[in-house]
């Protein structure tokens, strides 16, 4: 401790598509 983590990756949500918001 302290634990310091980072990552870059995709996520998925089934929601309404709009400006700057996608399902992936």
PDBML (XML) file of the C-alpha atoms, coordinates in Angstrom:
<?xml version="1.0" encoding="UTF-8" ?>
<PDBx:datablock datablockName="MODEL"
   xmlns:PDBx="http://pdbml.pdb.org/schema/pdbx-v50.xsd"
   xmlns:xsi="http://www.w3.org/2001/XMLSchema-instance"
   xsi:schemaLocation="http://pdbml.pdb.org/schema/pdbx-v50.xsd pdbx-v50.xsd">
   <PDBx:atom_siteCategory>
      <PDBx:atom_site id="1">
         <PDBx:B_iso_or_equiv>0.00</PDBx:B_iso_or_equiv>
         <PDBx:Cartn_x>0.000</PDBx:Cartn_x>
         <PDBx:Cartn_y>0.000</PDBx:Cartn_y>
         <PDBx:Cartn_z>0.000</PDBx:Cartn_z>
         <PDBx:auth_asym_id>A</PDBx:auth_asym_id>
         <PDBx:auth_atom_id>CA</PDBx:auth_atom_id>
         <PDBx:auth_comp_id>UNK</PDBx:auth_comp_id>
         <PDBx:auth_seq_id>1</PDBx:auth_seq_id>
         <PDBx:group_PDB>ATOM</PDBx:group_PDB>
         <PDBx:label_alt_id xsi:nil="true" />
         <PDBx:label_asym_id>A</PDBx:label_asym_id>
         <PDBx:label_atom_id>CA</PDBx:label_atom_id>
         <PDBx:label_comp_id>UNK</PDBx:label_comp_id>
         <PDBx:label_entity_id>1</PDBx:label_entity_id>
         <PDBx:label_seq_id>1</PDBx:label_seq_id>
         <PDBx:occupancy>1.00</PDBx:occupancy>
         <PDBx:pdbx_PDB_model_num>1</PDBx:pdbx_PDB_model_num>
         <PDBx:type_symbol>C</PDBx:type_symbol>
      </PDBx:atom_site>
      <PDBx:atom_site id="2">
         <PDBx:B_iso_or_equiv>0.00</PDBx:B_iso_or_equiv>
         <PDBx:Cartn_x>-0.784</PDBx:Cartn_x>
         <PDBx:Cartn_y>2.371</PDBx:Cartn_y>
         <PDBx:Cartn_z>-1.421</PDBx:Cartn_z>
         <PDBx:auth_asym_id>A</PDBx:auth_asym_id>
         <PDBx:auth_atom_id>CA</PDBx:auth_atom_id>
         <PDBx:auth_comp_id>UNK</PDBx:auth_comp_id>
         <PDBx:auth_seq_id>2</PDBx:auth_seq_id>
         <PDBx:group_PDB>ATOM</PDBx:group_PDB>
         <PDBx:label_alt_id xsi:nil="true" />
         <PDBx:label_asym_id>A</PDBx:label_asym_id>
         <PDBx:label_atom_id>CA</PDBx:label_atom_id>
         <PDBx:label_comp_id>UNK</PDBx:label_comp_id>
         <PDBx:label_entity_id>1</PDBx:label_entity_id>
         <PDBx:label_seq_id>2</PDBx:label_seq_id>
         <PDBx:occupancy>1.00</PDBx:occupancy>
         <PDBx:pdbx_PDB_model_num>1</PDBx:pdbx_PDB_model_num>
         <PDBx:type_symbol>C</PDBx:type_symbol>
      </PDBx:atom_site>
      <PDBx:atom_site id="3">
         <PDBx:B_iso_or_equiv>0.00</PDBx:B_iso_or_equiv>
         <PDBx:Cartn_x>-1.721</PDBx:Cartn_x>
         <PDBx:Cartn_y>0.395</PDBx:Cartn_y>
         <PDBx:Cartn_z>-4.510</PDBx:Cartn_z>
         <PDBx:auth_asym_id>A</PDBx:auth_asym_id>
         <PDBx:auth_atom_id>CA</PDBx:auth_atom_id>
         <PDBx:auth_comp_id>UNK</PDBx:auth_comp_id>
         <PDBx:auth_seq_id>3</PDBx:auth_seq_id>
         <PDBx:group_PDB>ATOM</PDBx:group_PDB>
         <PDBx:label_alt_id xsi:nil="true" />
         <PDBx:label_asym_id>A</PDBx:label_asym_id>
         <PDBx:label_atom_id>CA</PDBx:label_atom_id>
         <PDBx:label_comp_id>UNK</PDBx:label_comp_id>
         <PDBx:label_entity_id>1</PDBx:label_entity_id>
         <PDBx:label_seq_id>3</PDBx:label_seq_id>
         <PDBx:occupancy>1.00</PDBx:occupancy>
         <PDBx:pdbx_PDB_model_num>1</PDBx:pdbx_PDB_model_num>
         <PDBx:type_symbol>C</PDBx:type_symbol>
      </PDBx:atom_site>
      <PDBx:atom_site id="4">
         <PDBx:B_iso_or_equiv>0.00</PDBx:B_iso_or_equiv>
         <PDBx:Cartn_x>-1.482</PDBx:Cartn_x>
         <PDBx:Cartn_y>2.545</PDBx:Cartn_y>
         <PDBx:Cartn_z>-7.645</PDBx:Cartn_z>
         <PDBx:auth_asym_id>A</PDBx:auth_asym_id>
         <PDBx:auth_atom_id>CA</PDBx:auth_atom_id>
         <PDBx:auth_comp_id>UNK</PDBx:auth_comp_id>
         <PDBx:auth_seq_id>4</PDBx:auth_seq_id>
         <PDBx:group_PDB>ATOM</PDBx:group_PDB>
         <PDBx:label_alt_id xsi:nil="true" />
         <PDBx:label_asym_id>A</PDBx:label_asym_id>
         <PDBx:label_atom_id>CA</PDBx:label_atom_id>
         <PDBx:label_comp_id>UNK</PDBx:label_comp_id>
         <PDBx:label_entity_id>1</PDBx:label_entity_id>
         <PDBx:label_seq_id>4</PDBx:label_seq_id>
         <PDBx:occupancy>1.00</PDBx:occupancy>
         <PDBx:pdbx_PDB_model_num>1</PDBx:pdbx_PDB_model_num>
         <PDBx:type_symbol>C</PDBx:type_symbol>
      </PDBx:atom_site>
      <PDBx:atom_site id="5">
         <PDBx:B_iso_or_equiv>0.00</PDBx:B_iso_or_equiv>
         <PDBx:Cartn_x>-2.980</PDBx:Cartn_x>
         <PDBx:Cartn_y>0.942</PDBx:Cartn_y>
         <PDBx:Cartn_z>-10.749</PDBx:Cartn_z>
         <PDBx:auth_asym_id>A</PDBx:auth_asym_id>
         <PDBx:auth_atom_id>CA</PDBx:auth_atom_id>
         <PDBx:auth_comp_id>UNK</PDBx:auth_comp_id>
         <PDBx:auth_seq_id>5</PDBx:auth_seq_id>
         <PDBx:group_PDB>ATOM</PDBx:group_PDB>
         <PDBx:label_alt_id xsi:nil="true" />
         <PDBx:label_asym_id>A</PDBx:label_asym_id>
         <PDBx:label_atom_id>CA</PDBx:label_atom_id>
         <PDBx:label_comp_id>UNK</PDBx:label_comp_id>
         <PDBx:label_entity_id>1</PDBx:label_entity_id>
         <PDBx:label_seq_id>5</PDBx:label_seq_id>
         <PDBx:occupancy>1.00</PDBx:occupancy>
         <PDBx:pdbx_PDB_model_num>1</PDBx:pdbx_PDB_model_num>
         <PDBx:type_symbol>C</PDBx:type_symbol>
      </PDBx:atom_site>
      <PDBx:atom_site id="6">
         <PDBx:B_iso_or_equiv>0.00</PDBx:B_iso_or_equiv>
         <PDBx:Cartn_x>-3.903</PDBx:Cartn_x>
         <PDBx:Cartn_y>2.111</PDBx:Cartn_y>
         <PDBx:Cartn_z>-14.222</PDBx:Cartn_z>
         <PDBx:auth_asym_id>A</PDBx:auth_asym_id>
         <PDBx:auth_atom_id>CA</PDBx:auth_atom_id>
         <PDBx:auth_comp_id>UNK</PDBx:auth_comp_id>
         <PDBx:auth_seq_id>6</PDBx:auth_seq_id>
         <PDBx:group_PDB>ATOM</PDBx:group_PDB>
         <PDBx:label_alt_id xsi:nil="true" />
         <PDBx:label_asym_id>A</PDBx:label_asym_id>
         <PDBx:label_atom_id>CA</PDBx:label_atom_id>
         <PDBx:label_comp_id>UNK</PDBx:label_comp_id>
         <PDBx:label_entity_id>1</PDBx:label_entity_id>
         <PDBx:label_seq_id>6</PDBx:label_seq_id>
         <PDBx:occupancy>1.00</PDBx:occupancy>
         <PDBx:pdbx_PDB_model_num>1</PDBx:pdbx_PDB_model_num>
         <PDBx:type_symbol>C</PDBx:type_symbol>
      </PDBx:atom_site>
      <PDBx:atom_site id="7">
         <PDBx:B_iso_or_equiv>0.00</PDBx:B_iso_or_equiv>
         <PDBx:Cartn_x>-5.244</PDBx:Cartn_x>
         <PDBx:Cartn_y>0.549</PDBx:Cartn_y>
         <PDBx:Cartn_z>-17.417</PDBx:Cartn_z>
         <PDBx:auth_asym_id>A</PDBx:auth_asym_id>
         <PDBx:auth_atom_id>CA</PDBx:auth_atom_id>
         <PDBx:auth_comp_id>UNK</PDBx:auth_comp_id>
         <PDBx:auth_seq_id>7</PDBx:auth_seq_id>
         <PDBx:group_PDB>ATOM</PDBx:group_PDB>
         <PDBx:label_alt_id xsi:nil="true" />
         <PDBx:label_asym_id>A</PDBx:label_asym_id>
         <PDBx:label_atom_id>CA</PDBx:label_atom_id>
         <PDBx:label_comp_id>UNK</PDBx:label_comp_id>
         <PDBx:label_entity_id>1</PDBx:label_entity_id>
         <PDBx:label_seq_id>7</PDBx:label_seq_id>
         <PDBx:occupancy>1.00</PDBx:occupancy>
         <PDBx:pdbx_PDB_model_num>1</PDBx:pdbx_PDB_model_num>
         <PDBx:type_symbol>C</PDBx:type_symbol>
      </PDBx:atom_site>
      <PDBx:atom_site id="8">
         <PDBx:B_iso_or_equiv>0.00</PDBx:B_iso_or_equiv>
         <PDBx:Cartn_x>-6.779</PDBx:Cartn_x>
         <PDBx:Cartn_y>1.463</PDBx:Cartn_y>
         <PDBx:Cartn_z>-20.765</PDBx:Cartn_z>
         <PDBx:auth_asym_id>A</PDBx:auth_asym_id>
         <PDBx:auth_atom_id>CA</PDBx:auth_atom_id>
         <PDBx:auth_comp_id>UNK</PDBx:auth_comp_id>
         <PDBx:auth_seq_id>8</PDBx:auth_seq_id>
         <PDBx:group_PDB>ATOM</PDBx:group_PDB>
         <PDBx:label_alt_id xsi:nil="true" />
         <PDBx:label_asym_id>A</PDBx:label_asym_id>
         <PDBx:label_atom_id>CA</PDBx:label_atom_id>
         <PDBx:label_comp_id>UNK</PDBx:label_comp_id>
         <PDBx:label_entity_id>1</PDBx:label_entity_id>
         <PDBx:label_seq_id>8</PDBx:label_seq_id>
         <PDBx:occupancy>1.00</PDBx:occupancy>
         <PDBx:pdbx_PDB_model_num>1</PDBx:pdbx_PDB_model_num>
         <PDBx:type_symbol>C</PDBx:type_symbol>
      </PDBx:atom_site>
      <PDBx:atom_site id="9">
         <PDBx:B_iso_or_equiv>0.00</PDBx:B_iso_or_equiv>
         <PDBx:Cartn_x>-9.467</PDBx:Cartn_x>
         <PDBx:Cartn_y>-0.813</PDBx:Cartn_y>
         <PDBx:Cartn_z>-22.177</PDBx:Cartn_z>
         <PDBx:auth_asym_id>A</PDBx:auth_asym_id>
         <PDBx:auth_atom_id>CA</PDBx:auth_atom_id>
         <PDBx:auth_comp_id>UNK</PDBx:auth_comp_id>
         <PDBx:auth_seq_id>9</PDBx:auth_seq_id>
         <PDBx:group_PDB>ATOM</PDBx:group_PDB>
         <PDBx:label_alt_id xsi:nil="true" />
         <PDBx:label_asym_id>A</PDBx:label_asym_id>
         <PDBx:label_atom_id>CA</PDBx:label_atom_id>
         <PDBx:label_comp_id>UNK</PDBx:label_comp_id>
         <PDBx:label_entity_id>1</PDBx:label_entity_id>
         <PDBx:label_seq_id>9</PDBx:label_seq_id>
         <PDBx:occupancy>1.00</PDBx:occupancy>
         <PDBx:pdbx_PDB_model_num>1</PDBx:pdbx_PDB_model_num>
         <PDBx:type_symbol>C</PDBx:type_symbol>
      </PDBx:atom_site>
      <PDBx:atom_site id="10">
         <PDBx:B_iso_or_equiv>0.00</PDBx:B_iso_or_equiv>
         <PDBx:Cartn_x>-12.995</PDBx:Cartn_x>
         <PDBx:Cartn_y>-0.987</PDBx:Cartn_y>
         <PDBx:Cartn_z>-23.639</PDBx:Cartn_z>
         <PDBx:auth_asym_id>A</PDBx:auth_asym_id>
         <PDBx:auth_atom_id>CA</PDBx:auth_atom_id>
         <PDBx:auth_comp_id>UNK</PDBx:auth_comp_id>
         <PDBx:auth_seq_id>10</PDBx:auth_seq_id>
         <PDBx:group_PDB>ATOM</PDBx:group_PDB>
         <PDBx:label_alt_id xsi:nil="true" />
         <PDBx:label_asym_id>A</PDBx:label_asym_id>
         <PDBx:label_atom_id>CA</PDBx:label_atom_id>
         <PDBx:label_comp_id>UNK</PDBx:label_comp_id>
         <PDBx:label_entity_id>1</PDBx:label_entity_id>
         <PDBx:label_seq_id>10</PDBx:label_seq_id>
         <PDBx:occupancy>1.00</PDBx:occupancy>
         <PDBx:pdbx_PDB_model_num>1</PDBx:pdbx_PDB_model_num>
         <PDBx:type_symbol>C</PDBx:type_symbol>
      </PDBx:atom_site>
      <PDBx:atom_site id="11">
         <PDBx:B_iso_or_equiv>0.00</PDBx:B_iso_or_equiv>
         <PDBx:Cartn_x>-16.251</PDBx:Cartn_x>
         <PDBx:Cartn_y>-1.261</PDBx:Cartn_y>
         <PDBx:Cartn_z>-21.682</PDBx:Cartn_z>
         <PDBx:auth_asym_id>A</PDBx:auth_asym_id>
         <PDBx:auth_atom_id>CA</PDBx:auth_atom_id>
         <PDBx:auth_comp_id>UNK</PDBx:auth_comp_id>
         <PDBx:auth_seq_id>11</PDBx:auth_seq_id>
         <PDBx:group_PDB>ATOM</PDBx:group_PDB>
         <PDBx:label_alt_id xsi:nil="true" />
         <PDBx:label_asym_id>A</PDBx:label_asym_id>
         <PDBx:label_atom_id>CA</PDBx:label_atom_id>
         <PDBx:label_comp_id>UNK</PDBx:label_comp_id>
         <PDBx:label_entity_id>1</PDBx:label_entity_id>
         <PDBx:label_seq_id>11</PDBx:label_seq_id>
         <PDBx:occupancy>1.00</PDBx:occupancy>
         <PDBx:pdbx_PDB_model_num>1</PDBx:pdbx_PDB_model_num>
         <PDBx:type_symbol>C</PDBx:type_symbol>
      </PDBx:atom_site>
      <PDBx:atom_site id="12">
         <PDBx:B_iso_or_equiv>0.00</PDBx:B_iso_or_equiv>
         <PDBx:Cartn_x>-19.818</PDBx:Cartn_x>
         <PDBx:Cartn_y>-1.991</PDBx:Cartn_y>
         <PDBx:Cartn_z>-22.707</PDBx:Cartn_z>
         <PDBx:auth_asym_id>A</PDBx:auth_asym_id>
         <PDBx:auth_atom_id>CA</PDBx:auth_atom_id>
         <PDBx:auth_comp_id>UNK</PDBx:auth_comp_id>
         <PDBx:auth_seq_id>12</PDBx:auth_seq_id>
         <PDBx:group_PDB>ATOM</PDBx:group_PDB>
         <PDBx:label_alt_id xsi:nil="true" />
         <PDBx:label_asym_id>A</PDBx:label_asym_id>
         <PDBx:label_atom_id>CA</PDBx:label_atom_id>
         <PDBx:label_comp_id>UNK</PDBx:label_comp_id>
         <PDBx:label_entity_id>1</PDBx:label_entity_id>
         <PDBx:label_seq_id>12</PDBx:label_seq_id>
         <PDBx:occupancy>1.00</PDBx:occupancy>
         <PDBx:pdbx_PDB_model_num>1</PDBx:pdbx_PDB_model_num>
         <PDBx:type_symbol>C</PDBx:type_symbol>
      </PDBx:atom_site>
      <PDBx:atom_site id="13">
         <PDBx:B_iso_or_equiv>0.00</PDBx:B_iso_or_equiv>
         <PDBx:Cartn_x>-23.162</PDBx:Cartn_x>
         <PDBx:Cartn_y>-0.577</PDBx:Cartn_y>
         <PDBx:Cartn_z>-21.640</PDBx:Cartn_z>
         <PDBx:auth_asym_id>A</PDBx:auth_asym_id>
         <PDBx:auth_atom_id>CA</PDBx:auth_atom_id>
         <PDBx:auth_comp_id>UNK</PDBx:auth_comp_id>
         <PDBx:auth_seq_id>13</PDBx:auth_seq_id>
         <PDBx:group_PDB>ATOM</PDBx:group_PDB>
         <PDBx:label_alt_id xsi:nil="true" />
         <PDBx:label_asym_id>A</PDBx:label_asym_id>
         <PDBx:label_atom_id>CA</PDBx:label_atom_id>
         <PDBx:label_comp_id>UNK</PDBx:label_comp_id>
         <PDBx:label_entity_id>1</PDBx:label_entity_id>
         <PDBx:label_seq_id>13</PDBx:label_seq_id>
         <PDBx:occupancy>1.00</PDBx:occupancy>
         <PDBx:pdbx_PDB_model_num>1</PDBx:pdbx_PDB_model_num>
         <PDBx:type_symbol>C</PDBx:type_symbol>
      </PDBx:atom_site>
      <PDBx:atom_site id="14">
         <PDBx:B_iso_or_equiv>0.00</PDBx:B_iso_or_equiv>
         <PDBx:Cartn_x>-26.518</PDBx:Cartn_x>
         <PDBx:Cartn_y>-0.995</PDBx:Cartn_y>
         <PDBx:Cartn_z>-23.336</PDBx:Cartn_z>
         <PDBx:auth_asym_id>A</PDBx:auth_asym_id>
         <PDBx:auth_atom_id>CA</PDBx:auth_atom_id>
         <PDBx:auth_comp_id>UNK</PDBx:auth_comp_id>
         <PDBx:auth_seq_id>14</PDBx:auth_seq_id>
         <PDBx:group_PDB>ATOM</PDBx:group_PDB>
         <PDBx:label_alt_id xsi:nil="true" />
         <PDBx:label_asym_id>A</PDBx:label_asym_id>
         <PDBx:label_atom_id>CA</PDBx:label_atom_id>
         <PDBx:label_comp_id>UNK</PDBx:label_comp_id>
         <PDBx:label_entity_id>1</PDBx:label_entity_id>
         <PDBx:label_seq_id>14</PDBx:label_seq_id>
         <PDBx:occupancy>1.00</PDBx:occupancy>
         <PDBx:pdbx_PDB_model_num>1</PDBx:pdbx_PDB_model_num>
         <PDBx:type_symbol>C</PDBx:type_symbol>
      </PDBx:atom_site>
      <PDBx:atom_site id="15">
         <PDBx:B_iso_or_equiv>0.00</PDBx:B_iso_or_equiv>
         <PDBx:Cartn_x>-27.692</PDBx:Cartn_x>
         <PDBx:Cartn_y>2.606</PDBx:Cartn_y>
         <PDBx:Cartn_z>-23.230</PDBx:Cartn_z>
         <PDBx:auth_asym_id>A</PDBx:auth_asym_id>
         <PDBx:auth_atom_id>CA</PDBx:auth_atom_id>
         <PDBx:auth_comp_id>UNK</PDBx:auth_comp_id>
         <PDBx:auth_seq_id>15</PDBx:auth_seq_id>
         <PDBx:group_PDB>ATOM</PDBx:group_PDB>
         <PDBx:label_alt_id xsi:nil="true" />
         <PDBx:label_asym_id>A</PDBx:label_asym_id>
         <PDBx:label_atom_id>CA</PDBx:label_atom_id>
         <PDBx:label_comp_id>UNK</PDBx:label_comp_id>
         <PDBx:label_entity_id>1</PDBx:label_entity_id>
         <PDBx:label_seq_id>15</PDBx:label_seq_id>
         <PDBx:occupancy>1.00</PDBx:occupancy>
         <PDBx:pdbx_PDB_model_num>1</PDBx:pdbx_PDB_model_num>
         <PDBx:type_symbol>C</PDBx:type_symbol>
      </PDBx:atom_site>
      <PDBx:atom_site id="16">
         <PDBx:B_iso_or_equiv>0.00</PDBx:B_iso_or_equiv>
         <PDBx:Cartn_x>-28.917</PDBx:Cartn_x>
         <PDBx:Cartn_y>5.404</PDBx:Cartn_y>
         <PDBx:Cartn_z>-25.456</PDBx:Cartn_z>
         <PDBx:auth_asym_id>A</PDBx:auth_asym_id>
         <PDBx:auth_atom_id>CA</PDBx:auth_atom_id>
         <PDBx:auth_comp_id>UNK</PDBx:auth_comp_id>
         <PDBx:auth_seq_id>16</PDBx:auth_seq_id>
         <PDBx:group_PDB>ATOM</PDBx:group_PDB>
         <PDBx:label_alt_id xsi:nil="true" />
         <PDBx:label_asym_id>A</PDBx:label_asym_id>
         <PDBx:label_atom_id>CA</PDBx:label_atom_id>
         <PDBx:label_comp_id>UNK</PDBx:label_comp_id>
         <PDBx:label_entity_id>1</PDBx:label_entity_id>
         <PDBx:label_seq_id>16</PDBx:label_seq_id>
         <PDBx:occupancy>1.00</PDBx:occupancy>
         <PDBx:pdbx_PDB_model_num>1</PDBx:pdbx_PDB_model_num>
         <PDBx:type_symbol>C</PDBx:type_symbol>
      </PDBx:atom_site>
      <PDBx:atom_site id="17">
         <PDBx:B_iso_or_equiv>0.00</PDBx:B_iso_or_equiv>
         <PDBx:Cartn_x>-26.303</PDBx:Cartn_x>
         <PDBx:Cartn_y>6.568</PDBx:Cartn_y>
         <PDBx:Cartn_z>-27.947</PDBx:Cartn_z>
         <PDBx:auth_asym_id>A</PDBx:auth_asym_id>
         <PDBx:auth_atom_id>CA</PDBx:auth_atom_id>
         <PDBx:auth_comp_id>UNK</PDBx:auth_comp_id>
         <PDBx:auth_seq_id>17</PDBx:auth_seq_id>
         <PDBx:group_PDB>ATOM</PDBx:group_PDB>
         <PDBx:label_alt_id xsi:nil="true" />
         <PDBx:label_asym_id>A</PDBx:label_asym_id>
         <PDBx:label_atom_id>CA</PDBx:label_atom_id>
         <PDBx:label_comp_id>UNK</PDBx:label_comp_id>
         <PDBx:label_entity_id>1</PDBx:label_entity_id>
         <PDBx:label_seq_id>17</PDBx:label_seq_id>
         <PDBx:occupancy>1.00</PDBx:occupancy>
         <PDBx:pdbx_PDB_model_num>1</PDBx:pdbx_PDB_model_num>
         <PDBx:type_symbol>C</PDBx:type_symbol>
      </PDBx:atom_site>
      <PDBx:atom_site id="18">
         <PDBx:B_iso_or_equiv>0.00</PDBx:B_iso_or_equiv>
         <PDBx:Cartn_x>-25.643</PDBx:Cartn_x>
         <PDBx:Cartn_y>10.333</PDBx:Cartn_y>
         <PDBx:Cartn_z>-27.807</PDBx:Cartn_z>
         <PDBx:auth_asym_id>A</PDBx:auth_asym_id>
         <PDBx:auth_atom_id>CA</PDBx:auth_atom_id>
         <PDBx:auth_comp_id>UNK</PDBx:auth_comp_id>
         <PDBx:auth_seq_id>18</PDBx:auth_seq_id>
         <PDBx:group_PDB>ATOM</PDBx:group_PDB>
         <PDBx:label_alt_id xsi:nil="true" />
         <PDBx:label_asym_id>A</PDBx:label_asym_id>
         <PDBx:label_atom_id>CA</PDBx:label_atom_id>
         <PDBx:label_comp_id>UNK</PDBx:label_comp_id>
         <PDBx:label_entity_id>1</PDBx:label_entity_id>
         <PDBx:label_seq_id>18</PDBx:label_seq_id>
         <PDBx:occupancy>1.00</PDBx:occupancy>
         <PDBx:pdbx_PDB_model_num>1</PDBx:pdbx_PDB_model_num>
         <PDBx:type_symbol>C</PDBx:type_symbol>
      </PDBx:atom_site>
      <PDBx:atom_site id="19">
         <PDBx:B_iso_or_equiv>0.00</PDBx:B_iso_or_equiv>
         <PDBx:Cartn_x>-22.839</PDBx:Cartn_x>
         <PDBx:Cartn_y>12.886</PDBx:Cartn_y>
         <PDBx:Cartn_z>-28.033</PDBx:Cartn_z>
         <PDBx:auth_asym_id>A</PDBx:auth_asym_id>
         <PDBx:auth_atom_id>CA</PDBx:auth_atom_id>
         <PDBx:auth_comp_id>UNK</PDBx:auth_comp_id>
         <PDBx:auth_seq_id>19</PDBx:auth_seq_id>
         <PDBx:group_PDB>ATOM</PDBx:group_PDB>
         <PDBx:label_alt_id xsi:nil="true" />
         <PDBx:label_asym_id>A</PDBx:label_asym_id>
         <PDBx:label_atom_id>CA</PDBx:label_atom_id>
         <PDBx:label_comp_id>UNK</PDBx:label_comp_id>
         <PDBx:label_entity_id>1</PDBx:label_entity_id>
         <PDBx:label_seq_id>19</PDBx:label_seq_id>
         <PDBx:occupancy>1.00</PDBx:occupancy>
         <PDBx:pdbx_PDB_model_num>1</PDBx:pdbx_PDB_model_num>
         <PDBx:type_symbol>C</PDBx:type_symbol>
      </PDBx:atom_site>
      <PDBx:atom_site id="20">
         <PDBx:B_iso_or_equiv>0.00</PDBx:B_iso_or_equiv>
         <PDBx:Cartn_x>-19.702</PDBx:Cartn_x>
         <PDBx:Cartn_y>11.316</PDBx:Cartn_y>
         <PDBx:Cartn_z>-26.618</PDBx:Cartn_z>
         <PDBx:auth_asym_id>A</PDBx:auth_asym_id>
         <PDBx:auth_atom_id>CA</PDBx:auth_atom_id>
         <PDBx:auth_comp_id>UNK</PDBx:auth_comp_id>
         <PDBx:auth_seq_id>20</PDBx:auth_seq_id>
         <PDBx:group_PDB>ATOM</PDBx:group_PDB>
         <PDBx:label_alt_id xsi:nil="true" />
         <PDBx:label_asym_id>A</PDBx:label_asym_id>
         <PDBx:label_atom_id>CA</PDBx:label_atom_id>
         <PDBx:label_comp_id>UNK</PDBx:label_comp_id>
         <PDBx:label_entity_id>1</PDBx:label_entity_id>
         <PDBx:label_seq_id>20</PDBx:label_seq_id>
         <PDBx:occupancy>1.00</PDBx:occupancy>
         <PDBx:pdbx_PDB_model_num>1</PDBx:pdbx_PDB_model_num>
         <PDBx:type_symbol>C</PDBx:type_symbol>
      </PDBx:atom_site>
      <PDBx:atom_site id="21">
         <PDBx:B_iso_or_equiv>0.00</PDBx:B_iso_or_equiv>
         <PDBx:Cartn_x>-21.562</PDBx:Cartn_x>
         <PDBx:Cartn_y>8.213</PDBx:Cartn_y>
         <PDBx:Cartn_z>-25.401</PDBx:Cartn_z>
         <PDBx:auth_asym_id>A</PDBx:auth_asym_id>
         <PDBx:auth_atom_id>CA</PDBx:auth_atom_id>
         <PDBx:auth_comp_id>UNK</PDBx:auth_comp_id>
         <PDBx:auth_seq_id>21</PDBx:auth_seq_id>
         <PDBx:group_PDB>ATOM</PDBx:group_PDB>
         <PDBx:label_alt_id xsi:nil="true" />
         <PDBx:label_asym_id>A</PDBx:label_asym_id>
         <PDBx:label_atom_id>CA</PDBx:label_atom_id>
         <PDBx:label_comp_id>UNK</PDBx:label_comp_id>
         <PDBx:label_entity_id>1</PDBx:label_entity_id>
         <PDBx:label_seq_id>21</PDBx:label_seq_id>
         <PDBx:occupancy>1.00</PDBx:occupancy>
         <PDBx:pdbx_PDB_model_num>1</PDBx:pdbx_PDB_model_num>
         <PDBx:type_symbol>C</PDBx:type_symbol>
      </PDBx:atom_site>
      <PDBx:atom_site id="22">
         <PDBx:B_iso_or_equiv>0.00</PDBx:B_iso_or_equiv>
         <PDBx:Cartn_x>-21.450</PDBx:Cartn_x>
         <PDBx:Cartn_y>4.849</PDBx:Cartn_y>
         <PDBx:Cartn_z>-27.138</PDBx:Cartn_z>
         <PDBx:auth_asym_id>A</PDBx:auth_asym_id>
         <PDBx:auth_atom_id>CA</PDBx:auth_atom_id>
         <PDBx:auth_comp_id>UNK</PDBx:auth_comp_id>
         <PDBx:auth_seq_id>22</PDBx:auth_seq_id>
         <PDBx:group_PDB>ATOM</PDBx:group_PDB>
         <PDBx:label_alt_id xsi:nil="true" />
         <PDBx:label_asym_id>A</PDBx:label_asym_id>
         <PDBx:label_atom_id>CA</PDBx:label_atom_id>
         <PDBx:label_comp_id>UNK</PDBx:label_comp_id>
         <PDBx:label_entity_id>1</PDBx:label_entity_id>
         <PDBx:label_seq_id>22</PDBx:label_seq_id>
         <PDBx:occupancy>1.00</PDBx:occupancy>
         <PDBx:pdbx_PDB_model_num>1</PDBx:pdbx_PDB_model_num>
         <PDBx:type_symbol>C</PDBx:type_symbol>
      </PDBx:atom_site>
      <PDBx:atom_site id="23">
         <PDBx:B_iso_or_equiv>0.00</PDBx:B_iso_or_equiv>
         <PDBx:Cartn_x>-22.309</PDBx:Cartn_x>
         <PDBx:Cartn_y>1.275</PDBx:Cartn_y>
         <PDBx:Cartn_z>-26.220</PDBx:Cartn_z>
         <PDBx:auth_asym_id>A</PDBx:auth_asym_id>
         <PDBx:auth_atom_id>CA</PDBx:auth_atom_id>
         <PDBx:auth_comp_id>UNK</PDBx:auth_comp_id>
         <PDBx:auth_seq_id>23</PDBx:auth_seq_id>
         <PDBx:group_PDB>ATOM</PDBx:group_PDB>
         <PDBx:label_alt_id xsi:nil="true" />
         <PDBx:label_asym_id>A</PDBx:label_asym_id>
         <PDBx:label_atom_id>CA</PDBx:label_atom_id>
         <PDBx:label_comp_id>UNK</PDBx:label_comp_id>
         <PDBx:label_entity_id>1</PDBx:label_entity_id>
         <PDBx:label_seq_id>23</PDBx:label_seq_id>
         <PDBx:occupancy>1.00</PDBx:occupancy>
         <PDBx:pdbx_PDB_model_num>1</PDBx:pdbx_PDB_model_num>
         <PDBx:type_symbol>C</PDBx:type_symbol>
      </PDBx:atom_site>
      <PDBx:atom_site id="24">
         <PDBx:B_iso_or_equiv>0.00</PDBx:B_iso_or_equiv>
         <PDBx:Cartn_x>-18.689</PDBx:Cartn_x>
         <PDBx:Cartn_y>0.287</PDBx:Cartn_y>
         <PDBx:Cartn_z>-26.523</PDBx:Cartn_z>
         <PDBx:auth_asym_id>A</PDBx:auth_asym_id>
         <PDBx:auth_atom_id>CA</PDBx:auth_atom_id>
         <PDBx:auth_comp_id>UNK</PDBx:auth_comp_id>
         <PDBx:auth_seq_id>24</PDBx:auth_seq_id>
         <PDBx:group_PDB>ATOM</PDBx:group_PDB>
         <PDBx:label_alt_id xsi:nil="true" />
         <PDBx:label_asym_id>A</PDBx:label_asym_id>
         <PDBx:label_atom_id>CA</PDBx:label_atom_id>
         <PDBx:label_comp_id>UNK</PDBx:label_comp_id>
         <PDBx:label_entity_id>1</PDBx:label_entity_id>
         <PDBx:label_seq_id>24</PDBx:label_seq_id>
         <PDBx:occupancy>1.00</PDBx:occupancy>
         <PDBx:pdbx_PDB_model_num>1</PDBx:pdbx_PDB_model_num>
         <PDBx:type_symbol>C</PDBx:type_symbol>
      </PDBx:atom_site>
   </PDBx:atom_siteCategory>
</PDBx:datablock>
